[in-house]
N, C-alpha and C. Protein backbone atom coordinates (compact mmCIF):
# COMPACT_ATOMS: atom_id res chain seq x y z
N UNK A 1 0.54 -1.21 -0.13
CA UNK A 1 0.14 -0.30 -0.04
C UNK A 1 0.60 1.31 -0.08
N UNK A 2 1.28 1.79 -1.28
CA UNK A 2 1.96 2.66 -1.32
C UNK A 2 1.74 4.22 -1.10
N UNK A 3 0.33 4.34 -1.15
CA UNK A 3 -0.26 5.47 -1.27
C UNK A 3 -1.28 5.63 0.23
N UNK A 4 -1.00 4.91 1.18
CA UNK A 4 -2.10 4.90 2.11
C UNK A 4 -1.24 4.12 3.43
N UNK A 5 -2.01 4.62 4.60
CA UNK A 5 -1.70 4.01 6.21
C UNK A 5 -2.91 3.51 6.29
N UNK A 6 -2.55 2.51 7.52
CA UNK A 6 -4.01 1.73 8.39
C UNK A 6 -4.60 2.79 9.13
N UNK A 7 -5.73 2.56 9.12
CA UNK A 7 -6.58 3.47 10.23
C UNK A 7 -6.87 2.40 11.07
N UNK A 8 -6.44 2.63 12.59
CA UNK A 8 -6.47 1.74 13.88
C UNK A 8 -6.99 2.55 14.80
N UNK A 9 -7.49 3.62 15.03
CA UNK A 9 -8.22 4.08 16.12
C UNK A 9 -9.52 4.18 16.07
N UNK A 10 -10.44 3.50 17.03
CA UNK A 10 -11.48 3.60 17.35
C UNK A 10 -12.25 4.67 17.06
N UNK A 11 -11.69 5.73 17.17
CA UNK A 11 -12.91 7.27 17.29
C UNK A 11 -12.78 7.28 15.57
N UNK A 12 -11.51 6.76 14.80
CA UNK A 12 -12.10 7.59 13.69
C UNK A 12 -12.64 6.29 12.85
N UNK A 13 -12.77 4.99 13.39
CA UNK A 13 -13.84 4.42 12.82
C UNK A 13 -15.36 4.80 13.11
N UNK A 14 -15.62 5.41 14.36
CA UNK A 14 -16.81 5.57 14.49
C UNK A 14 -17.46 7.02 13.78
N UNK A 15 -16.36 7.71 13.94
CA UNK A 15 -16.52 9.22 12.94
C UNK A 15 -16.91 8.85 11.68
N UNK A 16 -16.18 7.50 10.96
CA UNK A 16 -16.56 7.20 9.59
C UNK A 16 -17.98 6.55 9.51
N UNK A 17 -18.27 6.02 10.62
CA UNK A 17 -19.57 5.06 10.60
C UNK A 17 -20.37 6.27 10.53
N UNK A 18 -20.21 7.46 11.44
CA UNK A 18 -21.65 8.40 11.75
C UNK A 18 -21.55 9.50 10.79
N UNK A 19 -20.18 10.27 10.09
CA UNK A 19 -20.54 11.13 9.31
C UNK A 19 -19.89 10.52 7.89
N UNK A 20 -19.25 9.54 7.52
CA UNK A 20 -19.26 9.12 6.23
C UNK A 20 -20.38 8.88 5.29
N UNK A 21 -19.63 8.85 3.80
CA UNK A 21 -20.81 8.36 2.98
C UNK A 21 -20.66 6.70 2.78
N UNK A 22 -21.88 6.16 2.65
CA UNK A 22 -21.60 4.35 2.52
C UNK A 22 -22.24 3.68 1.37
N UNK A 23 -22.03 2.93 0.98
CA UNK A 23 -22.72 2.22 -0.01
C UNK A 23 -22.40 0.30 0.03
N UNK A 24 -23.35 -0.66 -0.13
CA UNK A 24 -23.26 -1.79 0.25
C UNK A 24 -23.82 -2.75 -0.84
N UNK A 25 -22.95 -3.60 -0.60
CA UNK A 25 -23.74 -4.84 -1.82
C UNK A 25 -23.62 -6.02 -0.80
N UNK A 26 -24.23 -7.26 -1.05
CA UNK A 26 -24.31 -8.24 -0.21
C UNK A 26 -22.91 -8.99 0.55
N UNK A 27 -21.82 -8.61 -0.33
CA UNK A 27 -20.39 -9.22 0.33
C UNK A 27 -19.95 -7.83 1.03
N UNK A 28 -20.02 -7.03 0.69
CA UNK A 28 -18.93 -5.65 1.33
C UNK A 28 -19.95 -4.32 1.71
N UNK A 29 -19.02 -3.67 2.75
CA UNK A 29 -20.08 -2.05 2.89
C UNK A 29 -18.50 -1.38 2.67
N UNK A 30 -19.00 -0.06 1.97
CA UNK A 30 -17.51 0.63 1.97
C UNK A 30 -18.11 1.81 2.75
N UNK A 31 -17.26 2.55 3.39
CA UNK A 31 -17.66 4.15 4.20
C UNK A 31 -16.41 4.88 3.40
N UNK A 32 -16.54 5.89 3.44
CA UNK A 32 -15.46 6.73 2.71
C UNK A 32 -15.77 8.26 3.21
N UNK A 33 -14.67 8.89 4.00
CA UNK A 33 -14.66 10.29 4.18
C UNK A 33 -13.30 10.98 4.24
N UNK A 34 -13.56 12.15 3.47
CA UNK A 34 -12.41 13.12 3.35
C UNK A 34 -11.54 13.27 4.58
N UNK A 35 -10.16 13.03 4.25
CA UNK A 35 -9.30 13.32 5.63
C UNK A 35 -8.68 14.66 5.09
N UNK A 36 -7.83 15.18 6.37
CA UNK A 36 -6.83 16.17 6.01
C UNK A 36 -5.48 15.71 5.99
N UNK A 37 -5.29 14.59 5.46
CA UNK A 37 -3.86 14.00 5.12
C UNK A 37 -3.37 14.34 3.72
N UNK A 38 -4.02 15.41 2.60
CA UNK A 38 -3.70 15.51 1.72
C UNK A 38 -3.65 14.25 0.56
N UNK A 39 -2.50 13.88 0.25
CA UNK A 39 -2.19 12.98 -0.67
C UNK A 39 -2.18 11.33 0.17
N UNK A 40 -2.73 11.23 1.42
CA UNK A 40 -2.50 9.94 2.00
C UNK A 40 -4.35 9.71 2.10
N UNK A 41 -4.12 8.33 1.91
CA UNK A 41 -5.60 7.69 1.93
C UNK A 41 -5.25 6.89 3.58
N UNK A 42 -6.17 6.58 4.25
CA UNK A 42 -6.20 5.32 5.26
C UNK A 42 -7.29 4.57 5.31
N UNK A 43 -6.45 3.24 5.34
CA UNK A 43 -7.79 2.11 5.11
C UNK A 43 -7.84 1.60 6.61
N UNK A 44 -9.25 0.82 6.72
CA UNK A 44 -9.49 0.12 8.10
C UNK A 44 -10.23 -0.77 7.47
N UNK A 45 -9.90 -1.92 8.09
CA UNK A 45 -10.80 -3.27 7.56
C UNK A 45 -11.71 -3.93 8.86
N UNK A 46 -12.82 -4.02 8.31
CA UNK A 46 -13.45 -4.44 9.78
C UNK A 46 -14.10 -6.08 9.48
N UNK A 47 -14.00 -7.08 10.27
CA UNK A 47 -14.20 -8.33 9.90
C UNK A 47 -14.96 -8.79 11.04
N UNK A 48 -16.18 -9.41 11.35
CA UNK A 48 -16.54 -9.82 12.79
C UNK A 48 -16.66 -11.02 12.73
N UNK A 49 -16.69 -11.27 14.09
CA UNK A 49 -16.36 -12.70 14.62
C UNK A 49 -17.71 -13.42 13.97
N UNK A 50 -18.57 -12.85 13.23
CA UNK A 50 -19.77 -13.56 12.77
C UNK A 50 -19.19 -14.64 11.95
N UNK A 51 -18.18 -14.24 10.81
CA UNK A 51 -17.51 -14.91 9.47
C UNK A 51 -16.92 -15.95 9.92
N UNK A 52 -16.67 -16.11 11.35
CA UNK A 52 -15.87 -17.49 11.50
C UNK A 52 -14.66 -17.40 12.39
N UNK A 53 -13.63 -18.35 12.40
CA UNK A 53 -12.57 -18.20 13.58
C UNK A 53 -11.78 -17.46 13.01
N UNK A 54 -10.72 -17.10 13.75
CA UNK A 54 -9.60 -16.32 13.21
C UNK A 54 -8.96 -16.87 12.14
N UNK A 55 -8.73 -17.75 11.50
CA UNK A 55 -8.21 -18.11 10.54
C UNK A 55 -8.95 -17.82 9.34
N UNK A 56 -10.12 -17.73 9.06
CA UNK A 56 -11.08 -17.41 7.93
C UNK A 56 -11.20 -16.06 8.23
N UNK A 57 -11.44 -15.10 9.30
CA UNK A 57 -11.49 -13.66 9.21
C UNK A 57 -9.98 -13.03 8.64
N UNK A 58 -9.00 -13.72 9.20
CA UNK A 58 -7.83 -12.90 8.67
C UNK A 58 -7.64 -13.66 7.19
N UNK A 59 -8.14 -14.44 6.81
CA UNK A 59 -7.85 -14.72 4.96
C UNK A 59 -8.75 -13.78 4.35
N UNK A 60 -10.15 -13.37 4.85
CA UNK A 60 -11.07 -12.33 4.25
C UNK A 60 -10.13 -10.95 4.31
N UNK A 61 -9.64 -11.00 5.41
CA UNK A 61 -8.92 -9.41 5.72
C UNK A 61 -7.57 -9.51 4.70
N UNK A 62 -6.90 -10.52 4.26
CA UNK A 62 -5.85 -10.40 3.57
C UNK A 62 -6.39 -10.20 2.23
N UNK A 63 -7.44 -10.95 1.50
CA UNK A 63 -8.14 -10.60 0.16
C UNK A 63 -8.17 -9.09 0.37
N UNK A 64 -8.98 -8.41 1.20
CA UNK A 64 -9.16 -7.20 1.03
C UNK A 64 -8.15 -6.41 0.88
N UNK A 65 -7.14 -6.60 1.68
CA UNK A 65 -6.15 -5.87 1.78
C UNK A 65 -5.43 -5.56 0.52
N UNK A 66 -5.28 -6.83 -0.24
CA UNK A 66 -4.73 -7.31 -1.55
C UNK A 66 -5.70 -6.42 -2.37
N UNK A 67 -6.82 -6.53 -2.43
CA UNK A 67 -7.66 -6.14 -3.48
C UNK A 67 -7.53 -4.93 -3.62
N UNK A 68 -7.33 -3.86 -2.32
CA UNK A 68 -7.31 -2.44 -2.07
C UNK A 68 -5.91 -1.88 -2.93
N UNK A 69 -4.47 -2.61 -2.21
CA UNK A 69 -3.56 -2.67 -2.36
C UNK A 69 -3.14 -2.33 -4.20
N UNK A 70 -4.29 -3.51 -5.04
CA UNK A 70 -4.08 -3.54 -6.67
C UNK A 70 -4.51 -2.43 -7.10
N UNK A 71 -5.66 -2.09 -6.51
CA UNK A 71 -6.50 -0.83 -7.27
C UNK A 71 -6.28 0.41 -6.28
N UNK A 72 -5.27 0.63 -5.29
CA UNK A 72 -5.32 2.22 -5.08
C UNK A 72 -4.69 3.05 -5.82
N UNK A 73 -4.32 2.81 -6.66
CA UNK A 73 -3.65 3.64 -7.84
C UNK A 73 -4.73 4.51 -8.31
N UNK A 74 -6.09 3.59 -8.57
CA UNK A 74 -7.16 4.05 -9.29
C UNK A 74 -8.03 5.00 -8.38
N UNK A 75 -7.75 5.00 -6.97
CA UNK A 75 -8.47 5.76 -5.99
C UNK A 75 -8.12 7.05 -5.98
N UNK A 76 -9.04 7.99 -5.61
CA UNK A 76 -8.93 9.30 -5.09
C UNK A 76 -8.06 9.27 -3.92
N UNK A 77 -7.30 10.27 -3.62
CA UNK A 77 -6.39 10.44 -2.45
C UNK A 77 -6.93 11.33 -1.43
N UNK A 78 -6.65 11.20 -0.41
CA UNK A 78 -7.08 11.95 0.57
C UNK A 78 -8.31 11.80 1.32
N UNK A 79 -8.30 10.37 1.51
CA UNK A 79 -9.78 9.82 1.88
C UNK A 79 -9.73 8.73 3.03
N UNK A 80 -10.48 8.77 3.76
CA UNK A 80 -10.55 7.81 4.83
C UNK A 80 -11.45 6.69 4.48
N UNK A 81 -10.87 5.25 4.17
CA UNK A 81 -11.73 4.11 3.57
C UNK A 81 -11.90 3.10 4.77
N UNK A 82 -12.98 2.53 4.86
CA UNK A 82 -13.13 1.21 5.74
C UNK A 82 -14.29 0.49 4.85
N UNK A 83 -13.52 -0.79 4.92
CA UNK A 83 -14.08 -1.93 4.66
C UNK A 83 -14.64 -2.72 5.29
N UNK A 84 -16.10 -3.16 5.70
CA UNK A 84 -16.77 -3.88 6.06
C UNK A 84 -17.37 -5.25 5.61
N UNK A 85 -16.70 -6.41 6.05
CA UNK A 85 -16.97 -7.72 5.26
C UNK A 85 -18.19 -8.12 5.88
N UNK A 86 -19.05 -8.50 4.85
CA UNK A 86 -20.53 -9.18 5.49
C UNK A 86 -20.16 -10.40 5.40
N UNK A 87 -21.21 -11.41 5.88
CA UNK A 87 -20.71 -12.90 6.48
C UNK A 87 -20.65 -13.89 4.95
N UNK A 88 -21.32 -13.09 3.73
CA UNK A 88 -21.28 -13.72 2.54
C UNK A 88 -19.65 -14.04 2.00
N UNK A 89 -18.90 -12.68 2.35
CA UNK A 89 -17.70 -12.73 1.96
C UNK A 89 -16.93 -13.67 2.33
N UNK A 90 -17.18 -14.60 3.49
CA UNK A 90 -16.32 -15.81 3.98
C UNK A 90 -16.44 -16.62 2.80
N UNK A 91 -17.37 -16.88 1.79
CA UNK A 91 -17.21 -17.99 0.93
C UNK A 91 -17.02 -17.43 -0.10
N UNK A 92 -17.10 -16.25 -0.87
CA UNK A 92 -16.94 -15.32 -1.78
C UNK A 92 -15.51 -15.48 -2.45
N UNK A 93 -15.61 -16.09 -3.96
CA UNK A 93 -14.59 -16.01 -4.50
C UNK A 93 -13.60 -14.40 -4.61
N UNK A 94 -12.65 -14.73 -4.90
CA UNK A 94 -11.43 -13.38 -4.87
C UNK A 94 -11.83 -12.46 -5.88
N UNK A 95 -12.56 -12.74 -7.35
CA UNK A 95 -12.76 -12.13 -8.20
C UNK A 95 -14.37 -11.07 -7.59
N UNK A 96 -15.41 -11.97 -7.26
CA UNK A 96 -16.49 -11.62 -6.80
C UNK A 96 -16.23 -10.25 -5.62
N UNK A 97 -15.27 -10.51 -4.73
CA UNK A 97 -14.86 -9.14 -3.73
C UNK A 97 -14.34 -8.19 -4.53
N UNK A 98 -13.59 -8.60 -5.50
CA UNK A 98 -12.80 -7.40 -6.36
C UNK A 98 -14.12 -6.52 -6.89
N UNK A 99 -14.81 -7.40 -7.85
CA UNK A 99 -15.93 -6.60 -8.52
C UNK A 99 -16.89 -5.82 -7.46
N UNK A 100 -16.99 -6.14 -6.53
CA UNK A 100 -17.83 -5.56 -5.60
C UNK A 100 -17.05 -4.43 -4.92
N UNK A 101 -15.70 -4.59 -4.60
CA UNK A 101 -15.17 -3.37 -4.08
C UNK A 101 -15.23 -2.21 -5.05
N UNK A 102 -15.01 -2.89 -6.65
CA UNK A 102 -14.85 -1.60 -7.34
C UNK A 102 -16.11 -1.00 -7.94
N UNK A 103 -17.24 -1.91 -7.71
CA UNK A 103 -18.39 -0.98 -7.97
C UNK A 103 -18.76 -0.29 -6.97
N UNK A 104 -18.58 -0.50 -5.65
CA UNK A 104 -18.80 0.51 -4.70
C UNK A 104 -17.94 1.69 -4.53
N UNK A 105 -16.83 1.52 -5.21
CA UNK A 105 -16.05 2.65 -5.37
C UNK A 105 -16.69 3.77 -6.52
N UNK A 106 -17.10 3.04 -7.35
CA UNK A 106 -17.75 3.71 -8.25
C UNK A 106 -18.76 4.48 -8.04
N UNK A 107 -19.46 4.01 -7.01
CA UNK A 107 -20.80 4.20 -6.42
C UNK A 107 -20.63 5.45 -5.51
N UNK A 108 -19.40 5.25 -4.98
CA UNK A 108 -19.05 6.40 -4.02
C UNK A 108 -18.44 7.36 -4.77
N UNK A 109 -18.16 7.45 -6.10
CA UNK A 109 -17.27 8.44 -6.64
C UNK A 109 -15.77 8.54 -6.13
N UNK A 110 -15.42 7.63 -5.95
CA UNK A 110 -14.00 7.42 -5.04
C UNK A 110 -12.99 6.97 -6.44
N UNK A 111 -13.32 6.41 -7.68
CA UNK A 111 -12.29 6.25 -8.50
C UNK A 111 -11.86 7.53 -9.08
N UNK A 112 -10.69 7.68 -9.71
CA UNK A 112 -10.15 8.85 -10.86
C UNK A 112 -10.59 9.03 -11.69
N UNK A 113 -10.86 9.81 -12.34
CA UNK A 113 -11.06 10.36 -13.85
C UNK A 113 -10.27 9.86 -14.53
N UNK A 114 -10.07 10.18 -15.84
CA UNK A 114 -9.14 10.29 -16.58
C UNK A 114 -8.44 11.46 -16.63
N UNK A 115 -6.67 11.36 -16.34
CA UNK A 115 -6.37 12.74 -16.06
C UNK A 115 -6.24 13.14 -14.54
N UNK A 116 -6.76 12.76 -13.83
CA UNK A 116 -7.16 13.31 -12.41
C UNK A 116 -6.19 12.83 -11.51
N UNK A 117 -5.43 13.52 -10.49
CA UNK A 117 -4.24 13.05 -9.80
C UNK A 117 -4.80 12.45 -8.39
């Protein structure tokens, strides 16, 4: 994740949930809010214990982090992004997770336009 840092503070997650914009699919929910870091994005990933034991949750978390990493150059900078995995994400294929993530980013106007920085 070249352009991003981790979002770890509980208050930052709560602020995003209450003030950020969100979009959802059966697999994922994405929350977005502008931050004051300029060219840096902050990424937070939430995976509930409803998904399963630690091995399952960590696998979903790794997949989501990789999807974000591979697509972060397409995303606008200066945003806080939280990805929440829903229960169906546990059994979803990687390509389905990626498709849903990009669709949610499009819906939230998080993807760069041509020629935009």
